[in-house]
Amino acid sequence: MPSLSTQRKAPVTLQVCLNVDGVVSSSSDTSSIKELFRDRNDIWILGFTKAIGIPDVLHTELWTVLTGLELGFTMDSKLWRFNLTVNK
């Protein structure tokens, strides 16, 4: 799976851009998520990683999106525009 740095694109207007990624370890049946918020100038606003106990890929990816959106809604909602891109 490509890293966030190769997938991300700066937002074209005043919106905040959210990049998320979820990873499942096949050797330990554990998963982790990472989130990255950037402004229109591609400047980092907020980011984090977190270990979660979900051992399947689909639920990990969905959990990653949900966590990012929940955190984003605690920010100024006037900055939000939704665009979901799924990479294989």
C-alpha atoms as a PDB file:
ATOM      1  CA  MET A   1       0.000   0.000   0.000  1.00  0.00           C
ATOM      2  CA  PRO A   2       1.520   3.397  -0.953  1.00  0.00           C
ATOM      3  CA  SER A   3       2.375   5.792   1.829  1.00  0.00           C
ATOM      4  CA  LEU A   4       0.280   8.870   2.573  1.00  0.00           C
ATOM      5  CA  SER A   5       3.019  11.110   1.193  1.00  0.00           C
ATOM      6  CA  THR A   6       2.640   9.621  -2.312  1.00  0.00           C
ATOM      7  CA  GLN A   7      -1.180   9.653  -2.341  1.00  0.00           C
ATOM      8  CA  ARG A   8      -2.007  13.059  -0.944  1.00  0.00           C
ATOM      9  CA  LYS A   9      -3.105  16.046  -2.978  1.00  0.00           C
ATOM     10  CA  ALA A  10      -3.479  19.586  -1.679  1.00  0.00           C
ATOM     11  CA  PRO A  11      -7.072  20.871  -1.573  1.00  0.00           C
ATOM     12  CA  VAL A  12      -7.742  23.447  -4.300  1.00  0.00           C
ATOM     13  CA  THR A  13      -9.845  25.844  -2.189  1.00  0.00           C
ATOM     14  CA  LEU A  14      -9.937  26.882   1.479  1.00  0.00           C
ATOM     15  CA  GLN A  15     -10.945  23.427   2.666  1.00  0.00           C
ATOM     16  CA  VAL A  16      -9.027  21.113   4.935  1.00  0.00           C
ATOM     17  CA  CYS A  17      -7.808  17.850   3.401  1.00  0.00           C
ATOM     18  CA  LEU A  18      -8.006  14.592   5.371  1.00  0.00           C
ATOM     19  CA  ASN A  19      -5.799  11.639   4.414  1.00  0.00           C
ATOM     20  CA  VAL A  20      -6.339   8.327   6.194  1.00  0.00           C
ATOM     21  CA  ASP A  21      -4.740   4.903   6.042  1.00  0.00           C
ATOM     22  CA  GLY A  22      -5.367   1.638   7.849  1.00  0.00           C
ATOM     23  CA  VAL A  23      -2.910  -1.254   8.063  1.00  0.00           C
ATOM     24  CA  VAL A  24      -3.507  -4.826   9.258  1.00  0.00           C
ATOM     25  CA  SER A  25      -0.562  -6.998  10.291  1.00  0.00           C
ATOM     26  CA  SER A  26      -0.964 -10.543   9.019  1.00  0.00           C
ATOM     27  CA  SER A  27       1.565 -11.887  11.522  1.00  0.00           C
ATOM     28  CA  SER A  28      -0.044 -10.498  14.681  1.00  0.00           C
ATOM     29  CA  ASP A  29      -3.730  -9.948  13.706  1.00  0.00           C
ATOM     30  CA  THR A  30      -3.525  -6.351  14.885  1.00  0.00           C
ATOM     31  CA  SER A  31      -4.146  -3.136  13.000  1.00  0.00           C
ATOM     32  CA  SER A  32      -3.294   0.536  13.144  1.00  0.00           C
ATOM     33  CA  ILE A  33      -4.663   3.704  11.611  1.00  0.00           C
ATOM     34  CA  LYS A  34      -3.087   7.013  10.677  1.00  0.00           C
ATOM     35  CA  GLU A  35      -4.767  10.322   9.978  1.00  0.00           C
ATOM     36  CA  LEU A  36      -3.406  13.542   8.480  1.00  0.00           C
ATOM     37  CA  PHE A  37      -5.153  16.909   8.143  1.00  0.00           C
ATOM     38  CA  ARG A  38      -3.623  19.574   5.873  1.00  0.00           C
ATOM     39  CA  ASP A  39      -4.682  23.031   4.714  1.00  0.00           C
ATOM     40  CA  ARG A  40      -4.931  24.293   1.114  1.00  0.00           C
ATOM     41  CA  ASN A  41      -1.204  25.131   1.142  1.00  0.00           C
ATOM     42  CA  ASP A  42      -0.370  21.509   2.040  1.00  0.00           C
ATOM     43  CA  ILE A  43       0.624  22.613   5.563  1.00  0.00           C
ATOM     44  CA  TRP A  44       0.193  19.995   8.312  1.00  0.00           C
ATOM     45  CA  ILE A  45      -2.592  20.850  10.786  1.00  0.00           C
ATOM     46  CA  LEU A  46      -3.077  17.652  12.751  1.00  0.00           C
ATOM     47  CA  GLY A  47      -2.010  14.035  12.482  1.00  0.00           C
ATOM     48  CA  PHE A  48      -1.816  10.890  14.568  1.00  0.00           C
ATOM     49  CA  THR A  49      -1.429   7.134  14.542  1.00  0.00           C
ATOM     50  CA  LYS A  50      -3.340   4.720  16.736  1.00  0.00           C
ATOM     51  CA  ALA A  51      -3.283   0.962  17.300  1.00  0.00           C
ATOM     52  CA  ILE A  52      -6.711  -0.673  17.110  1.00  0.00           C
ATOM     53  CA  GLY A  53      -7.689  -4.282  17.709  1.00  0.00           C
ATOM     54  CA  ILE A  54      -9.566  -4.990  14.484  1.00  0.00           C
ATOM     55  CA  PRO A  55      -7.930  -7.890  12.600  1.00  0.00           C
ATOM     56  CA  ASP A  56      -9.613  -7.518   9.177  1.00  0.00           C
ATOM     57  CA  VAL A  57      -8.855  -5.050   6.385  1.00  0.00           C
ATOM     58  CA  LEU A  58     -12.389  -3.856   5.536  1.00  0.00           C
ATOM     59  CA  HIS A  59     -13.324  -2.961   9.110  1.00  0.00           C
ATOM     60  CA  THR A  60      -9.927  -1.331   9.695  1.00  0.00           C
ATOM     61  CA  GLU A  61     -10.347   0.921   6.635  1.00  0.00           C
ATOM     62  CA  LEU A  62     -13.921   1.845   7.618  1.00  0.00           C
ATOM     63  CA  TRP A  63     -12.820   2.550  11.199  1.00  0.00           C
ATOM     64  CA  THR A  64     -10.053   4.787   9.821  1.00  0.00           C
ATOM     65  CA  VAL A  65     -12.509   6.890   7.791  1.00  0.00           C
ATOM     66  CA  LEU A  66     -14.980   7.101  10.697  1.00  0.00           C
ATOM     67  CA  THR A  67     -12.278   8.220  13.143  1.00  0.00           C
ATOM     68  CA  GLY A  68     -11.013  10.876  10.733  1.00  0.00           C
ATOM     69  CA  LEU A  69     -14.499  12.263  10.115  1.00  0.00           C
ATOM     70  CA  GLU A  70     -15.330  12.327  13.838  1.00  0.00           C
ATOM     71  CA  LEU A  71     -12.140  14.246  14.559  1.00  0.00           C
ATOM     72  CA  GLY A  72     -12.727  16.555  11.612  1.00  0.00           C
ATOM     73  CA  PHE A  73     -16.200  17.502  12.775  1.00  0.00           C
ATOM     74  CA  THR A  74     -14.701  18.777  16.030  1.00  0.00           C
ATOM     75  CA  MET A  75     -12.846  21.315  13.876  1.00  0.00           C
ATOM     76  CA  ASP A  76     -14.567  24.228  12.099  1.00  0.00           C
ATOM     77  CA  SER A  77     -17.216  22.511   9.940  1.00  0.00           C
ATOM     78  CA  LYS A  78     -17.313  25.415   7.464  1.00  0.00           C
ATOM     79  CA  LEU A  79     -13.993  24.111   6.130  1.00  0.00           C
ATOM     80  CA  TRP A  80     -15.337  20.686   5.186  1.00  0.00           C
ATOM     81  CA  ARG A  81     -15.854  19.361   1.689  1.00  0.00           C
ATOM     82  CA  PHE A  82     -16.075  15.586   1.278  1.00  0.00           C
ATOM     83  CA  ASN A  83     -14.175  13.639  -1.342  1.00  0.00           C
ATOM     84  CA  LEU A  84     -13.571   9.943  -0.786  1.00  0.00           C
ATOM     85  CA  THR A  85     -10.886   8.229  -2.862  1.00  0.00           C
ATOM     86  CA  VAL A  86     -10.216   4.519  -2.430  1.00  0.00           C
ATOM     87  CA  ASN A  87      -6.857   3.133  -3.542  1.00  0.00           C
ATOM     88  CA  LYS A  88      -6.321  -0.595  -4.024  1.00  0.00           C
END
